[in-house]
Amino acid sequence: MIMIRSSSLFSLLLLLPGLIRAQESFDRLKFAAAPKALPAGARTSDWPRFLGPADDAVSPETHLLHEWPEGGPAKVWEVRKGDGYTAPVVSGDYCVIFHALEGKETIECLQRETGRRFWSFDYPIGYKDRYGFTPGPRASAVISDGCVITQGVTSMLSAVDLKSGKLLWQHDLATDYNVPQDFFGHGSSPLILDGRVIVNVGGKEAKVAEDAPHRERAKGLAAKGLSVGAFDLKTGRLLWRVDDDWGASYASPVPAVIHGKTKVLVFAGGESDPATGGLMCIDPADGTLHDKSPWRAAAYLSATAMSPVVAPGKNRVFVSTAYPKNHALGGVMVEYDESFKAKEVWKSTKLGIHWMNPVYWDGYLYAIDGEREDQARLVCVNAEDGAEKWSQVVQWEDAVAGTKLGRSGPVNLSILRAALMRVDGAFLCMGEIGALLWLDLSPQGCKVLRRHQLFYAQHTWNLPALSQGLLYVSQNDPELTDQTPSRFICYDLRGKQ
């Protein structure tokens, strides 16, 4: 017989509401099967931000499943998702998803292995995309020090307690700092560093008539405003600000160690005419703007979306843009001197990246070049001098898709504008129409090791999250073959014992 002291029982009862919430199922959740146990000796990590634990699309996880069965990696759970283009983030037992449901931006905290919900927090939004994309958030959540930070499509910055879902603070940046809607709403995830929430705000001091045409409004957005700001993680108080006419891009700030000092790199530049923007180097402690390196296509219809890529130990940073279509600008590698001033090392008009983040590995950049689907190619570039080692269009024939789509034969598929992750001795590749691949990438070429079509859905633009051997994928559009709704899906990628 087990005896429980009354004080212990009281403590258990206090915890019970949280335990009940941890077991909450809901109508959008489908549980498939429990994942395998982690293999002995497996190295694991959290995935608290959309580019991973080190903001570089590189995971330290090991002992993953490289030999997939015929049906591909086993599905653990799936949750029907709302509107938006965000990826899950994971910390400990908690998997956080951020999307729009029934006109509300919604943050949900799920148990990572079951998909059951701990809590949900939402607030109403009113957003209509001028180019017809879904009216949900574009920037993934960030987890740090027990807090969840989100930046919504209308520039609503929210801090929520990770364990309880309680709102800690919230700022309507669009109202507070006159942030324009921009081409596709706000799409830059914050960076949390040393208790500071660093945001490419993109505010403007000058007020512009809302009923003016888009381009006329853009011409009036040159005044300096809060370009980049740091907010206290616990209180939301503005700690420092960088006032500049470079607006908010769709790239997210990243940390970098340059000459032994931690700096923040912001690839900024919102809607403006003439188009302005480029790479900022900022001191995260006090907001000192060390340097501005212009790198933005001159065309009005241009957007910057890939986050800066740091070459560790080199004091070098790579940025790129895919606009305009003819790659007149492309990519540039800069090197910072001891005063944190950048100089151009090399540039390449052949390497124009839309939104995926290149992976720097062993002195080379692996990336998807090309603005549009029909331009996309996987490339390997020497990070030292910018020389292209090889390029390849990774494609195949798919008879299943041909049958499901009512075609007379197989259809040609490709990874298109894919996302790459370096992990466990190889590269995971998430294709734009739902294919998952293991790739062997080296300066000698590309070899496809494994491939499986998880689903057939367009706009699979997010880098998956990987934590504890589980892969979390965002299917942003309905299934092409049967219109199954979009989903967040957890797959078991744990290797065998």
Protein backbone atom coordinates (compact mmCIF):
# COMPACT_ATOMS: atom_id res chain seq x y z
CA MET A 1 0.00 0.00 0.00
CA ILE A 2 1.34 3.44 -0.95
CA MET A 3 0.81 6.17 1.61
CA ILE A 4 0.56 9.80 0.40
CA ARG A 5 0.99 12.55 2.94
CA SER A 6 -1.70 15.22 2.87
CA SER A 7 0.84 17.93 1.97
CA SER A 8 2.07 15.83 -0.96
CA LEU A 9 -1.50 15.20 -2.07
CA PHE A 10 -2.22 18.92 -1.92
CA SER A 11 0.86 19.62 -4.06
CA LEU A 12 -0.28 17.00 -6.55
CA LEU A 13 -3.71 18.58 -6.75
CA LEU A 14 -2.12 21.95 -7.47
CA LEU A 15 -0.24 20.39 -10.37
CA LEU A 16 -3.24 18.45 -11.64
CA PRO A 17 -4.70 21.20 -13.91
CA GLY A 18 -1.40 21.35 -15.76
CA LEU A 19 -1.29 17.56 -16.04
CA ILE A 20 -4.84 17.50 -17.38
CA ARG A 21 -3.99 20.13 -19.97
CA ALA A 22 -0.98 18.05 -20.98
CA GLN A 23 -3.34 15.20 -21.83
CA GLU A 24 -5.85 17.31 -23.75
CA SER A 25 -6.82 15.98 -27.13
CA PHE A 26 -8.68 18.12 -29.66
CA ASP A 27 -10.58 17.66 -32.89
CA ARG A 28 -7.73 18.71 -35.20
CA LEU A 29 -5.31 16.13 -33.80
CA LYS A 30 -4.79 12.67 -35.28
CA PHE A 31 -2.43 10.38 -33.39
CA ALA A 32 -0.88 7.57 -35.43
CA ALA A 33 1.62 5.66 -33.26
CA ALA A 34 4.15 6.25 -30.52
CA PRO A 35 7.71 6.78 -31.75
CA LYS A 36 10.48 4.28 -31.14
CA ALA A 37 12.70 4.72 -28.13
CA LEU A 38 15.78 6.83 -28.70
CA PRO A 39 18.76 4.66 -29.69
CA ALA A 40 21.45 4.22 -27.07
CA GLY A 41 24.10 6.91 -27.40
CA ALA A 42 21.95 9.20 -29.53
CA ARG A 43 22.79 12.87 -29.27
CA THR A 44 19.74 15.15 -29.17
CA SER A 45 18.94 18.84 -29.00
CA ASP A 46 16.10 21.32 -28.87
CA TRP A 47 15.01 23.21 -31.98
CA PRO A 48 13.94 26.54 -30.44
CA ARG A 49 14.10 28.65 -33.61
CA PHE A 50 13.33 27.97 -37.25
CA LEU A 51 17.01 27.66 -38.27
CA GLY A 52 17.82 25.37 -35.36
CA PRO A 53 19.84 25.57 -32.15
CA ALA A 54 22.74 27.51 -33.72
CA ASP A 55 20.75 29.55 -36.29
CA ASP A 56 22.57 27.84 -39.17
CA ALA A 57 20.33 24.92 -40.30
CA VAL A 58 22.82 22.46 -38.77
CA SER A 59 21.65 19.92 -36.19
CA PRO A 60 23.90 18.05 -33.73
CA GLU A 61 21.51 15.08 -33.55
CA THR A 62 22.82 11.57 -34.25
CA HIS A 63 21.58 7.99 -34.67
CA LEU A 64 18.81 8.94 -37.07
CA LEU A 65 16.96 6.64 -39.45
CA HIS A 66 18.75 6.67 -42.80
CA GLU A 67 17.28 3.43 -44.22
CA TRP A 68 13.61 4.20 -44.68
CA PRO A 69 11.02 1.45 -45.08
CA GLU A 70 8.95 1.34 -48.26
CA GLY A 71 6.28 3.55 -46.72
CA GLY A 72 8.82 6.15 -45.59
CA PRO A 73 9.33 7.43 -42.04
CA ALA A 74 6.52 6.48 -39.68
CA LYS A 75 4.00 9.17 -38.83
CA VAL A 76 3.58 9.89 -35.11
CA TRP A 77 0.84 12.52 -35.17
CA GLU A 78 -0.63 15.27 -37.29
CA VAL A 79 -2.56 18.44 -36.49
CA ARG A 80 -4.70 20.21 -39.05
CA LYS A 81 -3.22 23.66 -39.45
CA GLY A 82 -4.69 27.00 -40.31
CA ASP A 83 -3.26 29.73 -42.52
CA GLY A 84 0.38 30.73 -42.55
CA TYR A 85 3.89 29.69 -43.51
CA THR A 86 5.55 28.97 -40.18
CA ALA A 87 7.51 26.00 -38.87
CA PRO A 88 7.14 24.27 -35.47
CA VAL A 89 9.73 24.95 -32.78
CA VAL A 90 10.63 22.56 -29.96
CA SER A 91 12.02 22.91 -26.45
CA GLY A 92 12.03 19.98 -24.07
CA ASP A 93 8.58 18.40 -23.98
CA TYR A 94 7.01 21.36 -25.75
CA CYS A 95 6.32 21.74 -29.48
CA VAL A 96 4.95 25.19 -30.37
CA ILE A 97 3.01 25.88 -33.56
CA PHE A 98 1.87 29.29 -34.78
CA HIS A 99 -0.86 29.82 -37.40
CA ALA A 100 -4.15 31.61 -38.08
CA LEU A 101 -7.46 29.93 -37.28
CA GLU A 102 -10.82 31.57 -38.01
CA GLY A 103 -9.38 35.07 -38.16
CA LYS A 104 -7.17 34.71 -35.08
CA GLU A 105 -3.42 34.26 -34.91
CA THR A 106 -3.08 31.22 -32.68
CA ILE A 107 -0.16 29.90 -30.65
CA GLU A 108 -0.55 26.29 -29.55
CA CYS A 109 1.75 24.31 -27.30
CA LEU A 110 1.72 20.56 -27.90
CA GLN A 111 3.34 17.58 -26.23
CA ARG A 112 6.11 16.70 -28.69
CA GLU A 113 5.50 12.92 -28.83
CA THR A 114 1.69 12.82 -28.71
CA GLY A 115 0.52 16.10 -30.21
CA ARG A 116 -1.81 16.57 -27.25
CA ARG A 117 -2.25 20.18 -26.28
CA PHE A 118 -0.94 21.92 -23.18
CA TRP A 119 -2.50 25.28 -24.00
CA SER A 120 -3.66 27.65 -26.74
CA PHE A 121 -3.47 31.44 -26.96
CA ASP A 122 -4.95 33.62 -29.70
CA TYR A 123 -5.87 37.17 -30.67
CA PRO A 124 -7.85 38.55 -33.65
CA ILE A 125 -6.15 39.86 -36.77
CA GLY A 126 -7.35 41.50 -39.94
CA TYR A 127 -4.99 40.88 -42.82
CA LYS A 128 -5.49 40.49 -46.57
CA ASP A 129 -2.47 39.62 -48.67
CA ARG A 130 -2.23 41.80 -51.75
CA TYR A 131 -0.77 38.90 -53.79
CA GLY A 132 -3.32 36.32 -52.69
CA PHE A 133 -1.21 34.28 -50.24
CA THR A 134 -2.79 32.95 -47.07
CA PRO A 135 -3.68 35.48 -44.35
CA GLY A 136 -1.61 33.89 -41.59
CA PRO A 137 1.77 34.43 -39.92
CA ARG A 138 4.99 34.10 -41.89
CA ALA A 139 7.47 34.20 -39.01
CA SER A 140 7.96 31.10 -36.85
CA ALA A 141 7.82 31.29 -33.07
CA VAL A 142 10.96 31.44 -30.92
CA ILE A 143 11.45 29.77 -27.52
CA SER A 144 13.94 30.99 -24.90
CA ASP A 145 14.17 31.03 -21.10
CA GLY A 146 10.63 29.74 -20.60
CA CYS A 147 9.06 32.24 -23.00
CA VAL A 148 7.49 31.93 -26.44
CA ILE A 149 7.89 34.95 -28.70
CA THR A 150 5.88 35.41 -31.89
CA GLN A 151 5.78 38.13 -34.51
CA GLY A 152 2.52 38.01 -36.45
CA VAL A 153 1.74 38.98 -40.02
CA THR A 154 0.38 42.37 -38.85
CA SER A 155 3.49 43.03 -36.70
CA MET A 156 1.91 41.98 -33.39
CA LEU A 157 4.79 41.03 -31.08
CA SER A 158 3.70 38.67 -28.28
CA ALA A 159 5.42 37.02 -25.32
CA VAL A 160 3.69 34.01 -23.77
CA ASP A 161 4.79 31.81 -20.86
CA LEU A 162 5.90 28.44 -22.25
CA LYS A 163 4.43 26.30 -19.47
CA SER A 164 1.13 28.07 -18.80
CA GLY A 165 0.27 29.91 -22.02
CA LYS A 166 -0.26 33.10 -20.05
CA LEU A 167 0.33 36.33 -21.97
CA LEU A 168 3.34 38.13 -20.50
CA TRP A 169 3.30 41.20 -22.74
CA GLN A 170 2.31 42.29 -26.23
CA HIS A 171 3.15 45.17 -28.58
CA ASP A 172 1.20 46.23 -31.65
CA LEU A 173 4.32 47.38 -33.51
CA ALA A 174 2.35 48.51 -36.56
CA THR A 175 0.49 51.03 -34.43
CA ASP A 176 3.30 51.94 -32.04
CA TYR A 177 5.99 52.46 -34.69
CA ASN A 178 4.06 52.95 -37.93
CA VAL A 179 5.12 49.67 -39.55
CA PRO A 180 3.72 49.33 -43.10
CA GLN A 181 2.09 46.11 -44.30
CA ASP A 182 4.82 45.58 -46.91
CA PHE A 183 4.47 43.14 -49.82
CA PHE A 184 3.45 40.05 -47.82
CA GLY A 185 2.94 41.36 -44.30
CA HIS A 186 5.58 40.91 -41.61
CA GLY A 187 7.76 37.83 -41.98
CA SER A 188 10.92 38.15 -39.89
CA SER A 189 11.31 35.97 -36.79
CA PRO A 190 12.80 37.70 -33.75
CA LEU A 191 16.18 36.73 -32.30
CA ILE A 192 16.43 36.20 -28.53
CA LEU A 193 19.91 36.89 -27.22
CA ASP A 194 20.94 37.49 -23.59
CA GLY A 195 17.40 38.33 -22.51
CA ARG A 196 16.80 40.69 -25.43
CA VAL A 197 14.18 40.15 -28.13
CA ILE A 198 15.79 41.64 -31.23
CA VAL A 199 13.35 42.51 -34.00
CA ASN A 200 13.72 43.96 -37.49
CA VAL A 201 10.73 46.26 -36.85
CA GLY A 202 10.84 48.39 -39.98
CA GLY A 203 8.94 51.34 -38.51
CA LYS A 204 8.58 54.72 -40.22
CA GLU A 205 8.22 58.12 -38.62
CA ALA A 206 6.42 59.67 -41.59
CA LYS A 207 2.71 58.95 -41.81
CA VAL A 208 1.47 57.89 -45.24
CA ALA A 209 -2.14 57.90 -46.37
CA GLU A 210 -3.46 54.34 -46.19
CA ASP A 211 -5.66 54.84 -49.23
CA ALA A 212 -2.69 55.75 -51.46
CA PRO A 213 -1.62 53.19 -54.08
CA HIS A 214 1.03 50.72 -52.93
CA ARG A 215 3.86 52.26 -54.88
CA GLU A 216 2.92 55.79 -53.88
CA ARG A 217 2.96 54.71 -50.24
CA ALA A 218 6.36 53.11 -50.79
CA LYS A 219 7.74 56.43 -52.05
CA GLY A 220 6.67 58.02 -48.79
CA LEU A 221 8.38 55.43 -46.61
CA ALA A 222 11.92 56.77 -46.76
CA ALA A 223 11.86 58.56 -43.39
CA LYS A 224 13.92 57.10 -40.58
CA GLY A 225 12.04 55.16 -37.95
CA LEU A 226 12.62 52.19 -35.64
CA SER A 227 14.42 49.85 -38.04
CA VAL A 228 15.75 47.39 -35.44
CA GLY A 229 14.81 47.27 -31.77
CA ALA A 230 15.59 45.18 -28.70
CA PHE A 231 12.84 44.46 -26.15
CA ASP A 232 13.32 43.00 -22.69
CA LEU A 233 12.30 39.33 -22.81
CA LYS A 234 10.46 39.39 -19.48
CA THR A 235 8.82 42.83 -19.54
CA GLY A 236 8.66 43.91 -23.20
CA ARG A 237 10.34 47.22 -22.42
CA LEU A 238 12.25 48.74 -25.34
CA LEU A 239 15.93 48.56 -24.40
CA TRP A 240 17.55 50.10 -27.48
CA ARG A 241 16.65 51.15 -30.99
CA VAL A 242 18.36 51.61 -34.33
CA ASP A 243 16.67 54.36 -36.33
CA ASP A 244 17.19 53.95 -40.04
CA ASP A 245 15.27 54.10 -43.32
CA TRP A 246 15.95 50.41 -44.02
CA GLY A 247 12.65 48.65 -43.39
CA ALA A 248 11.75 45.14 -42.29
CA SER A 249 12.77 42.35 -44.63
CA TYR A 250 11.61 38.71 -44.52
CA ALA A 251 15.02 37.59 -43.30
CA SER A 252 15.56 36.98 -39.59
CA PRO A 253 18.36 38.41 -37.45
CA VAL A 254 21.16 35.97 -36.53
CA PRO A 255 24.01 36.11 -34.02
CA ALA A 256 27.65 36.01 -35.12
CA VAL A 257 31.00 35.93 -33.36
CA ILE A 258 33.20 38.44 -35.19
CA HIS A 259 36.73 39.03 -33.96
CA GLY A 260 35.76 37.33 -30.71
CA LYS A 261 32.76 39.59 -30.07
CA THR A 262 29.09 38.62 -30.38
CA LYS A 263 27.24 40.77 -32.88
CA VAL A 264 23.81 40.68 -34.48
CA LEU A 265 23.43 40.59 -38.25
CA VAL A 266 20.23 41.95 -39.77
CA PHE A 267 19.57 41.64 -43.51
CA ALA A 268 17.08 44.51 -43.67
CA GLY A 269 15.02 46.19 -46.38
CA GLY A 270 11.27 46.50 -46.69
CA GLU A 271 8.97 47.89 -49.36
CA SER A 272 10.39 51.18 -50.64
CA ASP A 273 10.77 53.07 -53.89
CA PRO A 274 13.63 53.35 -54.66
CA ALA A 275 14.38 50.02 -52.99
CA THR A 276 16.82 50.28 -50.07
CA GLY A 277 18.31 47.72 -47.73
CA GLY A 278 21.26 45.50 -46.96
CA LEU A 279 23.31 43.96 -44.17
CA MET A 280 23.53 45.62 -40.76
CA CYS A 281 26.06 44.72 -38.05
CA ILE A 282 24.79 45.71 -34.59
CA ASP A 283 26.08 45.40 -31.03
CA PRO A 284 23.39 43.40 -29.16
CA ALA A 285 24.27 45.00 -25.81
CA ASP A 286 23.42 48.61 -26.66
CA GLY A 287 22.25 48.75 -30.29
CA THR A 288 25.37 50.41 -31.69
CA LEU A 289 25.16 50.23 -35.47
CA HIS A 290 28.67 49.32 -36.54
CA ASP A 291 28.11 49.03 -40.27
CA LYS A 292 25.60 49.11 -43.13
CA SER A 293 26.41 47.21 -46.33
CA PRO A 294 23.86 47.99 -49.08
CA TRP A 295 22.72 44.86 -50.93
CA ARG A 296 19.26 45.16 -52.40
CA ALA A 297 17.91 44.88 -55.93
CA ALA A 298 16.98 48.28 -57.34
CA ALA A 299 13.62 47.01 -58.60
CA TYR A 300 10.59 48.13 -56.56
CA LEU A 301 9.16 44.59 -56.63
CA SER A 302 11.95 42.98 -54.66
CA ALA A 303 11.99 41.28 -51.28
CA THR A 304 14.80 39.96 -49.11
CA ALA A 305 14.13 36.67 -47.35
CA MET A 306 17.24 34.57 -46.65
CA SER A 307 18.91 35.16 -43.29
CA PRO A 308 22.65 35.94 -43.18
CA VAL A 309 24.97 32.91 -43.27
CA VAL A 310 28.03 33.11 -41.04
CA ALA A 311 31.32 31.43 -41.95
CA PRO A 312 32.53 30.34 -38.48
CA GLY A 313 35.97 31.59 -37.54
CA LYS A 314 36.32 33.59 -40.75
CA ASN A 315 34.69 36.93 -39.76
CA ARG A 316 32.75 36.49 -42.99
CA VAL A 317 29.04 36.63 -43.79
CA PHE A 318 27.11 35.70 -46.93
CA VAL A 319 23.83 37.26 -48.08
CA SER A 320 21.87 36.91 -51.29
CA THR A 321 18.71 37.98 -53.10
CA ALA A 322 16.90 36.41 -56.04
CA TYR A 323 15.43 39.62 -57.39
CA PRO A 324 15.24 40.52 -60.18
CA LYS A 325 14.85 37.37 -62.24
CA ASN A 326 18.04 37.87 -64.21
CA HIS A 327 20.21 37.70 -61.03
CA ALA A 328 21.66 41.15 -61.66
CA LEU A 329 22.64 41.25 -58.00
CA GLY A 330 22.86 37.68 -56.64
CA GLY A 331 25.01 36.94 -53.60
CA VAL A 332 27.94 38.57 -51.83
CA MET A 333 30.46 37.44 -49.22
CA VAL A 334 31.73 40.21 -46.94
CA GLU A 335 34.48 40.19 -44.34
CA TYR A 336 34.50 42.37 -41.23
CA ASP A 337 37.61 44.11 -39.97
CA GLU A 338 38.35 44.68 -36.26
CA SER A 339 36.22 47.84 -36.35
CA PHE A 340 33.31 45.70 -37.61
CA LYS A 341 33.31 47.37 -41.01
CA ALA A 342 32.52 45.11 -43.96
CA LYS A 343 34.38 44.81 -47.23
CA GLU A 344 33.36 42.76 -50.23
CA VAL A 345 35.36 39.55 -50.68
CA TRP A 346 33.50 38.16 -53.67
CA LYS A 347 30.12 38.33 -55.33
CA SER A 348 28.27 36.05 -57.70
CA THR A 349 25.49 36.98 -60.06
CA LYS A 350 24.85 33.24 -60.49
CA LEU A 351 23.86 32.69 -56.86
CA GLY A 352 20.50 34.38 -56.30
CA ILE A 353 18.57 32.87 -53.39
CA HIS A 354 14.90 33.53 -52.76
CA TRP A 355 14.12 32.49 -49.17
CA MET A 356 15.85 29.19 -48.35
CA ASN A 357 18.92 29.43 -46.16
CA PRO A 358 22.18 28.11 -47.55
CA VAL A 359 24.11 25.70 -45.36
CA TYR A 360 27.78 26.46 -44.76
CA TRP A 361 29.70 23.22 -44.32
CA ASP A 362 33.45 22.51 -44.49
CA GLY A 363 34.21 25.65 -46.46
CA TYR A 364 31.36 25.36 -48.98
CA LEU A 365 27.89 26.81 -49.38
CA TYR A 366 25.06 24.49 -50.41
CA ALA A 367 22.00 26.38 -51.60
CA ILE A 368 19.02 26.57 -53.94
CA ASP A 369 19.58 29.22 -56.61
CA GLY A 370 16.63 30.75 -58.43
CA GLU A 371 13.61 32.92 -57.75
CA ARG A 372 10.93 30.75 -59.35
CA GLU A 373 10.19 27.03 -59.51
CA ASP A 374 11.42 26.60 -63.07
CA GLN A 375 14.71 28.33 -62.22
CA ALA A 376 15.55 26.33 -59.10
CA ARG A 377 18.83 24.43 -59.00
CA LEU A 378 20.90 22.95 -56.19
CA VAL A 379 24.39 24.46 -56.16
CA CYS A 380 27.69 24.04 -54.37
CA VAL A 381 29.89 27.14 -54.09
CA ASN A 382 33.38 27.50 -52.66
CA ALA A 383 32.88 29.94 -49.78
CA GLU A 384 36.46 31.14 -50.05
CA ASP A 385 36.24 32.64 -53.54
CA GLY A 386 32.65 32.16 -54.76
CA ALA A 387 33.56 29.68 -57.47
CA GLU A 388 30.69 27.35 -58.37
CA LYS A 389 31.76 23.72 -58.01
CA TRP A 390 28.60 22.20 -59.49
CA SER A 391 24.88 22.67 -59.97
CA GLN A 392 22.14 20.07 -60.35
CA VAL A 393 18.40 19.94 -60.86
CA VAL A 394 17.29 17.12 -58.57
CA GLN A 395 14.28 15.53 -60.27
CA TRP A 396 12.58 12.20 -60.87
CA GLU A 397 9.52 10.56 -62.43
CA ASP A 398 6.60 9.82 -60.10
CA ALA A 399 4.04 7.30 -61.32
CA VAL A 400 1.91 7.52 -58.15
CA ALA A 401 1.41 11.25 -58.60
CA GLY A 402 0.55 10.69 -62.25
CA THR A 403 -2.15 8.21 -61.32
CA LYS A 404 -3.57 10.34 -58.49
CA LEU A 405 -3.67 13.40 -60.70
CA GLY A 406 -5.39 11.51 -63.53
CA ARG A 407 -2.42 11.64 -65.90
CA SER A 408 -1.78 8.97 -68.51
CA GLY A 409 1.74 8.39 -67.24
CA PRO A 410 4.23 9.45 -64.58
CA VAL A 411 4.89 13.12 -63.88
CA ASN A 412 8.24 14.80 -63.42
CA LEU A 413 8.84 16.08 -59.91
CA SER A 414 11.71 18.00 -58.38
CA ILE A 415 12.86 19.37 -55.04
CA LEU A 416 12.38 22.86 -56.56
CA ARG A 417 13.04 25.61 -53.97
CA ALA A 418 13.87 23.16 -51.21
CA ALA A 419 15.13 23.55 -47.64
CA LEU A 420 18.38 21.91 -46.50
CA MET A 421 19.61 20.75 -43.10
CA ARG A 422 23.00 19.28 -42.27
CA VAL A 423 22.64 16.47 -39.73
CA ASP A 424 24.07 13.06 -38.78
CA GLY A 425 26.70 12.97 -41.53
CA ALA A 426 24.44 13.92 -44.45
CA PHE A 427 21.89 16.49 -45.61
CA LEU A 428 18.14 16.29 -45.10
CA CYS A 429 16.24 17.97 -47.91
CA MET A 430 12.59 19.04 -47.73
CA GLY A 431 11.29 19.50 -51.27
CA GLU A 432 8.78 22.18 -52.21
CA ILE A 433 6.05 19.65 -53.10
CA GLY A 434 6.49 17.37 -50.09
CA ALA A 435 9.42 15.07 -50.87
CA LEU A 436 11.89 14.25 -48.12
CA LEU A 437 15.37 13.19 -49.16
CA TRP A 438 18.67 12.16 -47.67
CA LEU A 439 21.45 13.69 -49.77
CA ASP A 440 25.18 13.19 -49.84
CA LEU A 441 26.50 16.65 -50.75
CA SER A 442 30.18 17.39 -51.19
CA PRO A 443 32.37 19.47 -53.51
CA GLN A 444 32.43 16.41 -55.76
CA GLY A 445 28.68 16.39 -56.37
CA CYS A 446 25.21 15.41 -55.19
CA LYS A 447 24.06 11.86 -54.57
CA VAL A 448 20.48 11.02 -53.62
CA LEU A 449 20.62 8.42 -50.84
CA ARG A 450 16.92 8.10 -50.01
CA ARG A 451 13.72 9.75 -51.17
CA HIS A 452 10.11 9.50 -50.05
CA GLN A 453 7.09 11.58 -50.94
CA LEU A 454 5.52 12.49 -47.61
CA PHE A 455 2.60 14.20 -49.37
CA TYR A 456 1.85 16.09 -52.57
CA ALA A 457 1.30 19.72 -51.62
CA GLN A 458 2.61 23.02 -52.92
CA HIS A 459 4.33 25.74 -50.89
CA THR A 460 6.23 23.36 -48.62
CA TRP A 461 8.66 26.18 -47.95
CA ASN A 462 9.68 25.62 -44.33
CA LEU A 463 12.78 23.97 -43.01
CA PRO A 464 11.46 21.17 -40.75
CA ALA A 465 12.28 21.13 -37.06
CA LEU A 466 14.31 18.21 -35.69
CA SER A 467 14.43 17.39 -32.00
CA GLN A 468 14.82 14.16 -30.02
CA GLY A 469 14.91 12.21 -33.28
CA LEU A 470 11.48 13.49 -34.34
CA LEU A 471 10.96 15.54 -37.51
CA TYR A 472 8.25 18.22 -37.53
CA VAL A 473 7.05 19.23 -41.00
CA SER A 474 4.73 22.02 -42.15
CA GLN A 475 2.40 21.10 -45.01
CA ASN A 476 1.23 24.59 -45.87
CA ASP A 477 -1.25 23.76 -48.64
CA PRO A 478 -3.93 21.09 -49.05
CA GLU A 479 -2.95 17.79 -50.66
CA LEU A 480 -2.98 18.16 -54.44
CA THR A 481 -4.36 14.66 -55.01
CA ASP A 482 -7.33 14.61 -52.62
CA GLN A 483 -7.46 18.11 -51.02
CA THR A 484 -6.57 16.78 -47.55
CA PRO A 485 -6.22 19.95 -45.45
CA SER A 486 -2.82 21.41 -44.60
CA ARG A 487 -1.14 19.94 -41.53
CA PHE A 488 1.69 20.04 -39.05
CA ILE A 489 3.07 16.48 -39.07
CA CYS A 490 5.47 14.71 -36.71
CA TYR A 491 7.54 11.83 -38.16
CA ASP A 492 9.67 9.29 -36.33
CA LEU A 493 13.23 9.65 -37.57
CA ARG A 494 14.82 7.74 -34.70
CA GLY A 495 17.28 5.09 -35.75
CA LYS A 496 17.09 1.46 -34.79
CA GLN A 497 18.35 0.21 -31.44
